[in-house]
Amino acid sequence: MRRSKLETSLDILCVLALNGQLKLTHLILKSKVNCQPLKRHLAFLIDYGLIEKKATKSKELVYTISSKGIAVLRAFKSINRNFPLTEEISLNQYSQTYFLSSAER
């Protein structure tokens, strides 16, 4: 079953949130998105400031989630808890404690 653009974008954000900075090849493997579609999603997420593209000291490109991206994940988790948007989107497969605010812990 195909994932929607929302589901794919959330998966990419979650992978980056849990793994820190990743090179494109590692992001492809962990998010299970093919290269060309992933590049389109990355461009979209970068344009909205949800992820950042950086060069390491060895000049390799890596992607990281921004604070805005983490805020979006937390907001989506809260919305999805009270109003499930789809059955497939389940942030439960990702680290629950990562997305909880200190008040929720």
PDB file of N, CA and C in Angstrom:
ATOM      1  N   MET A   1       0.832  -1.177   0.000  1.00  0.00           N
ATOM      2  CA  MET A   1       0.000   0.000   0.000  1.00  0.00           C
ATOM      3  C   MET A   1       0.886   1.254   0.000  1.00  0.00           C
ATOM      4  N   ARG A   2       0.566   2.210  -0.848  1.00  0.00           N
ATOM      5  CA  ARG A   2       1.359   3.433  -0.952  1.00  0.00           C
ATOM      6  C   ARG A   2       1.106   4.355   0.234  1.00  0.00           C
ATOM      7  N   ARG A   3       2.177   5.001   0.641  1.00  0.00           N
ATOM      8  CA  ARG A   3       2.047   6.014   1.693  1.00  0.00           C
ATOM      9  C   ARG A   3       1.685   7.342   1.053  1.00  0.00           C
ATOM     10  N   SER A   4       0.928   8.139   1.785  1.00  0.00           N
ATOM     11  CA  SER A   4       0.604   9.481   1.305  1.00  0.00           C
ATOM     12  C   SER A   4       1.825  10.382   1.490  1.00  0.00           C
ATOM     13  N   LYS A   5       1.749  11.564   0.916  1.00  0.00           N
ATOM     14  CA  LYS A   5       2.835  12.537   1.077  1.00  0.00           C
ATOM     15  C   LYS A   5       3.022  12.882   2.561  1.00  0.00           C
ATOM     16  N   LEU A   6       1.911  13.005   3.277  1.00  0.00           N
ATOM     17  CA  LEU A   6       1.972  13.289   4.716  1.00  0.00           C
ATOM     18  C   LEU A   6       2.663  12.158   5.460  1.00  0.00           C
ATOM     19  N   GLU A   7       2.265  10.924   5.195  1.00  0.00           N
ATOM     20  CA  GLU A   7       2.868   9.778   5.868  1.00  0.00           C
ATOM     21  C   GLU A   7       4.356   9.675   5.579  1.00  0.00           C
ATOM     22  N   THR A   8       4.735   9.871   4.326  1.00  0.00           N
ATOM     23  CA  THR A   8       6.143   9.794   3.950  1.00  0.00           C
ATOM     24  C   THR A   8       6.937  10.907   4.620  1.00  0.00           C
ATOM     25  N   SER A   9       6.401  12.112   4.621  1.00  0.00           N
ATOM     26  CA  SER A   9       7.092  13.237   5.258  1.00  0.00           C
ATOM     27  C   SER A   9       7.255  12.995   6.759  1.00  0.00           C
ATOM     28  N   LEU A  10       6.225  12.494   7.407  1.00  0.00           N
ATOM     29  CA  LEU A  10       6.314  12.195   8.837  1.00  0.00           C
ATOM     30  C   LEU A  10       7.320  11.085   9.111  1.00  0.00           C
ATOM     31  N   ASP A  11       7.350  10.075   8.254  1.00  0.00           N
ATOM     32  CA  ASP A  11       8.336   9.003   8.420  1.00  0.00           C
ATOM     33  C   ASP A  11       9.760   9.540   8.311  1.00  0.00           C
ATOM     34  N   ILE A  12      10.000  10.411   7.351  1.00  0.00           N
ATOM     35  CA  ILE A  12      11.330  10.998   7.177  1.00  0.00           C
ATOM     36  C   ILE A  12      11.705  11.822   8.409  1.00  0.00           C
ATOM     37  N   LEU A  13      10.773  12.634   8.895  1.00  0.00           N
ATOM     38  CA  LEU A  13      11.035  13.434  10.090  1.00  0.00           C
ATOM     39  C   LEU A  13      11.325  12.536  11.295  1.00  0.00           C
ATOM     40  N   CYS A  14      10.553  11.471  11.455  1.00  0.00           N
ATOM     41  CA  CYS A  14      10.763  10.549  12.576  1.00  0.00           C
ATOM     42  C   CYS A  14      12.118   9.859  12.489  1.00  0.00           C
ATOM     43  N   VAL A  15      12.494   9.420  11.302  1.00  0.00           N
ATOM     44  CA  VAL A  15      13.789   8.765  11.124  1.00  0.00           C
ATOM     45  C   VAL A  15      14.916   9.716  11.513  1.00  0.00           C
ATOM     46  N   LEU A  16      14.825  10.964  11.079  1.00  0.00           N
ATOM     47  CA  LEU A  16      15.866  11.935  11.428  1.00  0.00           C
ATOM     48  C   LEU A  16      15.842  12.266  12.920  1.00  0.00           C
ATOM     49  N   ALA A  17      14.651  12.341  13.505  1.00  0.00           N
ATOM     50  CA  ALA A  17      14.546  12.641  14.932  1.00  0.00           C
ATOM     51  C   ALA A  17      15.190  11.541  15.767  1.00  0.00           C
ATOM     52  N   LEU A  18      15.044  10.307  15.352  1.00  0.00           N
ATOM     53  CA  LEU A  18      15.564   9.181  16.128  1.00  0.00           C
ATOM     54  C   LEU A  18      17.023   8.862  15.845  1.00  0.00           C
ATOM     55  N   ASN A  19      17.520   9.247  14.674  1.00  0.00           N
ATOM     56  CA  ASN A  19      18.877   8.861  14.282  1.00  0.00           C
ATOM     57  C   ASN A  19      19.863  10.014  14.207  1.00  0.00           C
ATOM     58  N   GLY A  20      19.402  11.225  14.405  1.00  0.00           N
ATOM     59  CA  GLY A  20      20.302  12.365  14.272  1.00  0.00           C
ATOM     60  C   GLY A  20      20.582  12.650  12.814  1.00  0.00           C
ATOM     61  N   GLN A  21      21.771  13.124  12.516  1.00  0.00           N
ATOM     62  CA  GLN A  21      22.072  13.453  11.130  1.00  0.00           C
ATOM     63  C   GLN A  21      22.394  12.192  10.336  1.00  0.00           C
ATOM     64  N   LEU A  22      21.883  12.158   9.108  1.00  0.00           N
ATOM     65  CA  LEU A  22      22.088  11.001   8.243  1.00  0.00           C
ATOM     66  C   LEU A  22      22.474  11.437   6.840  1.00  0.00           C
ATOM     67  N   LYS A  23      23.326  10.622   6.209  1.00  0.00           N
ATOM     68  CA  LYS A  23      23.621  10.819   4.794  1.00  0.00           C
ATOM     69  C   LYS A  23      22.425  10.321   3.994  1.00  0.00           C
ATOM     70  N   LEU A  24      22.348  10.742   2.742  1.00  0.00           N
ATOM     71  CA  LEU A  24      21.226  10.380   1.884  1.00  0.00           C
ATOM     72  C   LEU A  24      21.036   8.864   1.801  1.00  0.00           C
ATOM     73  N   THR A  25      22.126   8.124   1.620  1.00  0.00           N
ATOM     74  CA  THR A  25      21.997   6.668   1.483  1.00  0.00           C
ATOM     75  C   THR A  25      21.409   6.031   2.736  1.00  0.00           C
ATOM     76  N   HIS A  26      21.819   6.491   3.903  1.00  0.00           N
ATOM     77  CA  HIS A  26      21.274   5.945   5.156  1.00  0.00           C
ATOM     78  C   HIS A  26      19.813   6.347   5.339  1.00  0.00           C
ATOM     79  N   LEU A  27      19.489   7.543   4.916  1.00  0.00           N
ATOM     80  CA  LEU A  27      18.105   8.018   4.992  1.00  0.00           C
ATOM     81  C   LEU A  27      17.201   7.202   4.057  1.00  0.00           C
ATOM     82  N   ILE A  28      17.708   6.843   2.900  1.00  0.00           N
ATOM     83  CA  ILE A  28      16.960   5.989   1.964  1.00  0.00           C
ATOM     84  C   ILE A  28      16.645   4.651   2.623  1.00  0.00           C
ATOM     85  N   LEU A  29      17.643   4.049   3.239  1.00  0.00           N
ATOM     86  CA  LEU A  29      17.465   2.732   3.850  1.00  0.00           C
ATOM     87  C   LEU A  29      16.523   2.772   5.056  1.00  0.00           C
ATOM     88  N   LYS A  30      16.685   3.755   5.909  1.00  0.00           N
ATOM     89  CA  LYS A  30      15.889   3.811   7.135  1.00  0.00           C
ATOM     90  C   LYS A  30      14.450   4.264   6.904  1.00  0.00           C
ATOM     91  N   SER A  31      14.242   5.136   5.931  1.00  0.00           N
ATOM     92  CA  SER A  31      12.884   5.632   5.672  1.00  0.00           C
ATOM     93  C   SER A  31      12.130   4.761   4.661  1.00  0.00           C
ATOM     94  N   LYS A  32      12.866   3.880   3.978  1.00  0.00           N
ATOM     95  CA  LYS A  32      12.270   2.996   2.969  1.00  0.00           C
ATOM     96  C   LYS A  32      11.560   3.786   1.865  1.00  0.00           C
ATOM     97  N   VAL A  33      12.240   4.847   1.408  1.00  0.00           N
ATOM     98  CA  VAL A  33      11.743   5.669   0.302  1.00  0.00           C
ATOM     99  C   VAL A  33      12.821   5.648  -0.777  1.00  0.00           C
ATOM    100  N   ASN A  34      12.423   5.429  -2.016  1.00  0.00           N
ATOM    101  CA  ASN A  34      13.382   5.413  -3.124  1.00  0.00           C
ATOM    102  C   ASN A  34      14.041   6.781  -3.286  1.00  0.00           C
ATOM    103  N   CYS A  35      15.174   6.779  -3.953  1.00  0.00           N
ATOM    104  CA  CYS A  35      16.023   7.966  -4.051  1.00  0.00           C
ATOM    105  C   CYS A  35      15.316   9.196  -4.625  1.00  0.00           C
ATOM    106  N   GLN A  36      14.726   9.100  -5.800  1.00  0.00           N
ATOM    107  CA  GLN A  36      14.115  10.282  -6.421  1.00  0.00           C
ATOM    108  C   GLN A  36      12.926  10.828  -5.623  1.00  0.00           C
ATOM    109  N   PRO A  37      11.998   9.966  -5.192  1.00  0.00           N
ATOM    110  CA  PRO A  37      10.915  10.505  -4.353  1.00  0.00           C
ATOM    111  C   PRO A  37      11.454  11.109  -3.050  1.00  0.00           C
ATOM    112  N   LEU A  38      12.487  10.488  -2.472  1.00  0.00           N
ATOM    113  CA  LEU A  38      13.058  11.013  -1.240  1.00  0.00           C
ATOM    114  C   LEU A  38      13.645  12.402  -1.466  1.00  0.00           C
ATOM    115  N   LYS A  39      14.330  12.597  -2.585  1.00  0.00           N
ATOM    116  CA  LYS A  39      14.907  13.911  -2.884  1.00  0.00           C
ATOM    117  C   LYS A  39      13.818  14.976  -2.999  1.00  0.00           C
ATOM    118  N   ARG A  40      12.680  14.614  -3.592  1.00  0.00           N
ATOM    119  CA  ARG A  40      11.555  15.568  -3.684  1.00  0.00           C
ATOM    120  C   ARG A  40      11.009  15.898  -2.297  1.00  0.00           C
ATOM    121  N   HIS A  41      10.852  14.884  -1.456  1.00  0.00           N
ATOM    122  CA  HIS A  41      10.361  15.118  -0.093  1.00  0.00           C
ATOM    123  C   HIS A  41      11.355  15.959   0.710  1.00  0.00           C
ATOM    124  N   LEU A  42      12.637  15.674   0.548  1.00  0.00           N
ATOM    125  CA  LEU A  42      13.660  16.448   1.260  1.00  0.00           C
ATOM    126  C   LEU A  42      13.622  17.913   0.844  1.00  0.00           C
ATOM    127  N   ALA A  43      13.489  18.165  -0.453  1.00  0.00           N
ATOM    128  CA  ALA A  43      13.415  19.554  -0.935  1.00  0.00           C
ATOM    129  C   ALA A  43      12.201  20.259  -0.322  1.00  0.00           C
ATOM    130  N   PHE A  44      11.066  19.578  -0.273  1.00  0.00           N
ATOM    131  CA  PHE A  44       9.841  20.124   0.328  1.00  0.00           C
ATOM    132  C   PHE A  44      10.059  20.429   1.812  1.00  0.00           C
ATOM    133  N   LEU A  45      10.636  19.479   2.543  1.00  0.00           N
ATOM    134  CA  LEU A  45      10.852  19.655   3.982  1.00  0.00           C
ATOM    135  C   LEU A  45      11.889  20.738   4.275  1.00  0.00           C
ATOM    136  N   ILE A  46      12.898  20.848   3.421  1.00  0.00           N
ATOM    137  CA  ILE A  46      13.905  21.910   3.573  1.00  0.00           C
ATOM    138  C   ILE A  46      13.267  23.271   3.315  1.00  0.00           C
ATOM    139  N   ASP A  47      12.441  23.363   2.269  1.00  0.00           N
ATOM    140  CA  ASP A  47      11.772  24.632   1.940  1.00  0.00           C
ATOM    141  C   ASP A  47      10.924  25.145   3.107  1.00  0.00           C
ATOM    142  N   TYR A  48      10.320  24.231   3.853  1.00  0.00           N
ATOM    143  CA  TYR A  48       9.480  24.628   4.981  1.00  0.00           C
ATOM    144  C   TYR A  48      10.247  24.701   6.301  1.00  0.00           C
ATOM    145  N   GLY A  49      11.550  24.476   6.243  1.00  0.00           N
ATOM    146  CA  GLY A  49      12.380  24.614   7.435  1.00  0.00           C
ATOM    147  C   GLY A  49      12.248  23.489   8.437  1.00  0.00           C
ATOM    148  N   LEU A  50      11.742  22.328   7.999  1.00  0.00           N
ATOM    149  CA  LEU A  50      11.562  21.207   8.917  1.00  0.00           C
ATOM    150  C   LEU A  50      12.810  20.346   9.042  1.00  0.00           C
ATOM    151  N   ILE A  51      13.645  20.371   8.024  1.00  0.00           N
ATOM    152  CA  ILE A  51      14.938  19.703   8.095  1.00  0.00           C
ATOM    153  C   ILE A  51      15.991  20.636   7.512  1.00  0.00           C
ATOM    154  N   GLU A  52      17.241  20.312   7.824  1.00  0.00           N
ATOM    155  CA  GLU A  52      18.367  21.110   7.344  1.00  0.00           C
ATOM    156  C   GLU A  52      19.359  20.203   6.634  1.00  0.00           C
ATOM    157  N   LYS A  53      19.973  20.739   5.606  1.00  0.00           N
ATOM    158  CA  LYS A  53      21.019  20.026   4.868  1.00  0.00           C
ATOM    159  C   LYS A  53      22.332  20.710   5.212  1.00  0.00           C
ATOM    160  N   LYS A  54      23.292  19.917   5.671  1.00  0.00           N
ATOM    161  CA  LYS A  54      24.580  20.470   6.101  1.00  0.00           C
ATOM    162  C   LYS A  54      25.715  19.683   5.465  1.00  0.00           C
ATOM    163  N   ALA A  55      26.856  20.329   5.373  1.00  0.00           N
ATOM    164  CA  ALA A  55      28.071  19.655   4.924  1.00  0.00           C
ATOM    165  C   ALA A  55      28.925  19.374   6.151  1.00  0.00           C
ATOM    166  N   THR A  56      29.445  18.157   6.256  1.00  0.00           N
ATOM    167  CA  THR A  56      30.322  17.803   7.367  1.00  0.00           C
ATOM    168  C   THR A  56      31.735  18.303   7.067  1.00  0.00           C
ATOM    169  N   LYS A  57      32.634  18.097   8.012  1.00  0.00           N
ATOM    170  CA  LYS A  57      34.020  18.509   7.807  1.00  0.00           C
ATOM    171  C   LYS A  57      34.644  17.793   6.616  1.00  0.00           C
ATOM    172  N   SER A  58      34.192  16.568   6.372  1.00  0.00           N
ATOM    173  CA  SER A  58      34.711  15.815   5.222  1.00  0.00           C
ATOM    174  C   SER A  58      33.914  16.099   3.951  1.00  0.00           C
ATOM    175  N   LYS A  59      33.111  17.151   3.998  1.00  0.00           N
ATOM    176  CA  LYS A  59      32.327  17.648   2.858  1.00  0.00           C
ATOM    177  C   LYS A  59      31.231  16.691   2.394  1.00  0.00           C
ATOM    178  N   GLU A  60      30.814  15.784   3.283  1.00  0.00           N
ATOM    179  CA  GLU A  60      29.672  14.924   2.974  1.00  0.00           C
ATOM    180  C   GLU A  60      28.403  15.672   3.355  1.00  0.00           C
ATOM    181  N   LEU A  61      27.344  15.488   2.577  1.00  0.00           N
ATOM    182  CA  LEU A  61      26.067  16.117   2.891  1.00  0.00           C
ATOM    183  C   LEU A  61      25.283  15.232   3.842  1.00  0.00           C
ATOM    184  N   VAL A  62      24.753  15.847   4.892  1.00  0.00           N
ATOM    185  CA  VAL A  62      23.917  15.131   5.851  1.00  0.00           C
ATOM    186  C   VAL A  62      22.646  15.934   6.079  1.00  0.00           C
ATOM    187  N   TYR A  63      21.618  15.246   6.518  1.00  0.00           N
ATOM    188  CA  TYR A  63      20.330  15.862   6.792  1.00  0.00           C
ATOM    189  C   TYR A  63      20.027  15.713   8.268  1.00  0.00           C
ATOM    190  N   THR A  64      19.488  16.768   8.868  1.00  0.00           N
ATOM    191  CA  THR A  64      19.091  16.747  10.275  1.00  0.00           C
ATOM    192  C   THR A  64      17.714  17.375  10.415  1.00  0.00           C
ATOM    193  N   ILE A  65      17.002  16.982  11.450  1.00  0.00           N
ATOM    194  CA  ILE A  65      15.704  17.580  11.712  1.00  0.00           C
ATOM    195  C   ILE A  65      15.939  18.893  12.449  1.00  0.00           C
ATOM    196  N   SER A  66      15.147  19.890  12.146  1.00  0.00           N
ATOM    197  CA  SER A  66      15.261  21.188  12.813  1.00  0.00           C
ATOM    198  C   SER A  66      14.349  21.209  14.036  1.00  0.00           C
ATOM    199  N   SER A  67      14.483  22.236  14.837  1.00  0.00           N
ATOM    200  CA  SER A  67      13.595  22.374  16.000  1.00  0.00           C
ATOM    201  C   SER A  67      12.148  22.556  15.532  1.00  0.00           C
ATOM    202  N   LYS A  68      11.972  23.205  14.399  1.00  0.00           N
ATOM    203  CA  LYS A  68      10.633  23.357  13.830  1.00  0.00           C
ATOM    204  C   LYS A  68      10.071  21.992  13.422  1.00  0.00           C
ATOM    205  N   GLY A  69      10.909  21.129  12.881  1.00  0.00           N
ATOM    206  CA  GLY A  69      10.489  19.779  12.509  1.00  0.00           C
ATOM    207  C   GLY A  69      10.065  18.967  13.720  1.00  0.00           C
ATOM    208  N   ILE A  70      10.792  19.093  14.821  1.00  0.00           N
ATOM    209  CA  ILE A  70      10.424  18.398  16.056  1.00  0.00           C
ATOM    210  C   ILE A  70       9.098  18.928  16.581  1.00  0.00           C
ATOM    211  N   ALA A  71       8.910  20.237  16.493  1.00  0.00           N
ATOM    212  CA  ALA A  71       7.643  20.834  16.934  1.00  0.00           C
ATOM    213  C   ALA A  71       6.475  20.312  16.097  1.00  0.00           C
ATOM    214  N   VAL A  72       6.694  20.150  14.793  1.00  0.00           N
ATOM    215  CA  VAL A  72       5.649  19.609  13.919  1.00  0.00           C
ATOM    216  C   VAL A  72       5.316  18.170  14.315  1.00  0.00           C
ATOM    217  N   LEU A  73       6.338  17.358  14.600  1.00  0.00           N
ATOM    218  CA  LEU A  73       6.078  15.977  15.023  1.00  0.00           C
ATOM    219  C   LEU A  73       5.275  15.935  16.315  1.00  0.00           C
ATOM    220  N   ARG A  74       5.643  16.758  17.268  1.00  0.00           N
ATOM    221  CA  ARG A  74       4.907  16.796  18.542  1.00  0.00           C
ATOM    222  C   ARG A  74       3.462  17.240  18.327  1.00  0.00           C
ATOM    223  N   ALA A  75       3.271  18.260  17.499  1.00  0.00           N
ATOM    224  CA  ALA A  75       1.916  18.750  17.230  1.00  0.00           C
ATOM    225  C   ALA A  75       1.094  17.682  16.518  1.00  0.00           C
ATOM    226  N   PHE A  76       1.698  17.019  15.552  1.00  0.00           N
ATOM    227  CA  PHE A  76       0.975  15.979  14.837  1.00  0.00           C
ATOM    228  C   PHE A  76       0.603  14.838  15.769  1.00  0.00           C
ATOM    229  N   LYS A  77       1.517  14.462  16.655  1.00  0.00           N
ATOM    230  CA  LYS A  77       1.234  13.383  17.606  1.00  0.00           C
ATOM    231  C   LYS A  77       0.042  13.750  18.479  1.00  0.00           C
ATOM    232  N   SER A  78      -0.003  14.975  18.919  1.00  0.00           N
ATOM    233  CA  SER A  78      -1.112  15.433  19.750  1.00  0.00           C
ATOM    234  C   SER A  78      -2.422  15.416  18.974  1.00  0.00           C
ATOM    235  N   ILE A  79      -2.403  15.907  17.763  1.00  0.00           N
ATOM    236  CA  ILE A  79      -3.607  15.920  16.926  1.00  0.00           C
ATOM    237  C   ILE A  79      -4.052  14.491  16.627  1.00  0.00           C
ATOM    238  N   ASN A  80      -3.108  13.647  16.243  1.00  0.00           N
ATOM    239  CA  ASN A  80      -3.438  12.279  15.853  1.00  0.00           C
ATOM    240  C   ASN A  80      -3.975  11.463  17.031  1.00  0.00           C
ATOM    241  N   ARG A  81      -3.544  11.790  18.234  1.00  0.00           N
ATOM    242  CA  ARG A  81      -4.031  11.097  19.429  1.00  0.00           C
ATOM    243  C   ARG A  81      -5.526  11.356  19.617  1.00  0.00           C
ATOM    244  N   ASN A  82      -5.953  12.564  19.385  1.00  0.00           N
ATOM    245  CA  ASN A  82      -7.342  12.946  19.610  1.00  0.00           C
ATOM    246  C   ASN A  82      -8.221  12.833  18.374  1.00  0.00           C
ATOM    247  N   PHE A  83      -7.597  12.879  17.199  1.00  0.00           N
ATOM    248  CA  PHE A  83      -8.350  12.853  15.949  1.00  0.00           C
ATOM    249  C   PHE A  83      -7.525  12.087  14.918  1.00  0.00           C
ATOM    250  N   PRO A  84      -7.598  10.757  14.951  1.00  0.00           N
ATOM    251  CA  PRO A  84      -6.765   9.955  14.038  1.00  0.00           C
ATOM    252  C   PRO A  84      -7.032  10.309  12.579  1.00  0.00           C
ATOM    253  N   LEU A  85      -5.986  10.744  11.895  1.00  0.00           N
ATOM    254  CA  LEU A  85      -6.128  11.144  10.501  1.00  0.00           C
ATOM    255  C   LEU A  85      -6.203   9.932   9.575  1.00  0.00           C
ATOM    256  N   THR A  86      -5.376   8.961   9.839  1.00  0.00           N
ATOM    257  CA  THR A  86      -5.453   7.708   9.098  1.00  0.00           C
ATOM    258  C   THR A  86      -5.055   6.589  10.044  1.00  0.00           C
ATOM    259  N   GLU A  87      -5.434   5.394   9.687  1.00  0.00           N
ATOM    260  CA  GLU A  87      -5.066   4.255  10.516  1.00  0.00           C
ATOM    261  C   GLU A  87      -3.596   3.896  10.346  1.00  0.00           C
ATOM    262  N   GLU A  88      -3.037   4.185   9.169  1.00  0.00           N
ATOM    263  CA  GLU A  88      -1.661   3.789   8.911  1.00  0.00           C
ATOM    264  C   GLU A  88      -0.646   4.617   9.679  1.00  0.00           C
ATOM    265  N   ILE A  89      -0.965   5.875   9.919  1.00  0.00           N
ATOM    266  CA  ILE A  89       0.009   6.726  10.595  1.00  0.00           C
ATOM    267  C   ILE A  89       0.012   6.360  12.065  1.00  0.00           C
ATOM    268  N   SER A  90       1.112   5.822  12.506  1.00  0.00           N
ATOM    269  CA  SER A  90       1.222   5.433  13.895  1.00  0.00           C
ATOM    270  C   SER A  90       2.599   5.818  14.395  1.00  0.00           C
ATOM    271  N   LEU A  91       2.658   6.880  15.138  1.00  0.00           N
ATOM    272  CA  LEU A  91       3.943   7.295  15.690  1.00  0.00           C
ATOM    273  C   LEU A  91       4.349   6.378  16.832  1.00  0.00           C
ATOM    274  N   ASN A  92       3.485   5.422  17.201  1.00  0.00           N
ATOM    275  CA  ASN A  92       3.813   4.486  18.268  1.00  0.00           C
ATOM    276  C   ASN A  92       5.001   3.622  17.906  1.00  0.00           C
ATOM    277  N   GLN A  93       5.236   3.419  16.624  1.00  0.00           N
ATOM    278  CA  GLN A  93       6.374   2.602  16.226  1.00  0.00           C
ATOM    279  C   GLN A  93       7.694   3.330  16.486  1.00  0.00           C
ATOM    280  N   TYR A  94       7.618   4.618  16.726  1.00  0.00           N
ATOM    281  CA  TYR A  94       8.801   5.397  17.035  1.00  0.00           C
ATOM    282  C   TYR A  94       8.868   5.623  18.538  1.00  0.00           C
ATOM    283  N   SER A  95       9.957   6.092  18.997  1.00  0.00           N
ATOM    284  CA  SER A  95      10.161   6.295  20.425  1.00  0.00           C
ATOM    285  C   SER A  95       9.112   7.245  21.010  1.00  0.00           C
ATOM    286  N   GLN A  96       8.263   6.728  21.871  1.00  0.00           N
ATOM    287  CA  GLN A  96       7.220   7.538  22.484  1.00  0.00           C
ATOM    288  C   GLN A  96       7.820   8.652  23.345  1.00  0.00           C
ATOM    289  N   THR A  97       8.817   8.332  24.118  1.00  0.00           N
ATOM    290  CA  THR A  97       9.340   9.340  25.040  1.00  0.00           C
ATOM    291  C   THR A  97      10.014  10.487  24.322  1.00  0.00           C
ATOM    292  N   TYR A  98      10.511  10.255  23.114  1.00  0.00           N
ATOM    293  CA  TYR A  98      11.196  11.326  22.383  1.00  0.00           C
ATOM    294  C   TYR A  98      10.255  12.484  22.086  1.00  0.00           C
ATOM    295  N   PHE A  99       8.999  12.156  21.765  1.00  0.00           N
ATOM    296  CA  PHE A  99       8.068  13.172  21.344  1.00  0.00           C
ATOM    297  C   PHE A  99       7.260  13.761  22.488  1.00  0.00           C
ATOM    298  N   LEU A 100       7.373  13.194  23.678  1.00  0.00           N
ATOM    299  CA  LEU A 100       6.593  13.708  24.796  1.00  0.00           C
ATOM    300  C   LEU A 100       7.258  14.927  25.401  1.00  0.00           C
ATOM    301  N   SER A 101       6.455  15.908  25.713  1.00  0.00           N
ATOM    302  CA  SER A 101       6.999  17.074  26.403  1.00  0.00           C
ATOM    303  C   SER A 101       7.251  16.688  27.848  1.00  0.00           C
ATOM    304  N   SER A 102       7.956  17.505  28.580  1.00  0.00           N
ATOM    305  CA  SER A 102       8.256  17.187  29.969  1.00  0.00           C
ATOM    306  C   SER A 102       6.985  17.095  30.810  1.00  0.00           C
ATOM    307  N   ALA A 103       5.925  17.819  30.429  1.00  0.00           N
ATOM    308  CA  ALA A 103       4.670  17.757  31.175  1.00  0.00           C
ATOM    309  C   ALA A 103       3.961  16.417  30.967  1.00  0.00           C
ATOM    310  N   GLU A 104       4.183  15.773  29.818  1.00  0.00           N
ATOM    311  CA  GLU A 104       3.520  14.514  29.514  1.00  0.00           C
ATOM    312  C   GLU A 104       4.247  13.314  30.107  1.00  0.00           C
ATOM    313  N   ARG A 105       5.519  13.465  30.459  1.00  0.00           N
ATOM    314  CA  ARG A 105       6.313  12.331  30.966  1.00  0.00           C
ATOM    315  C   ARG A 105       5.957  11.938  32.358  1.00  0.00           C
TER     316      ARG A 105
END
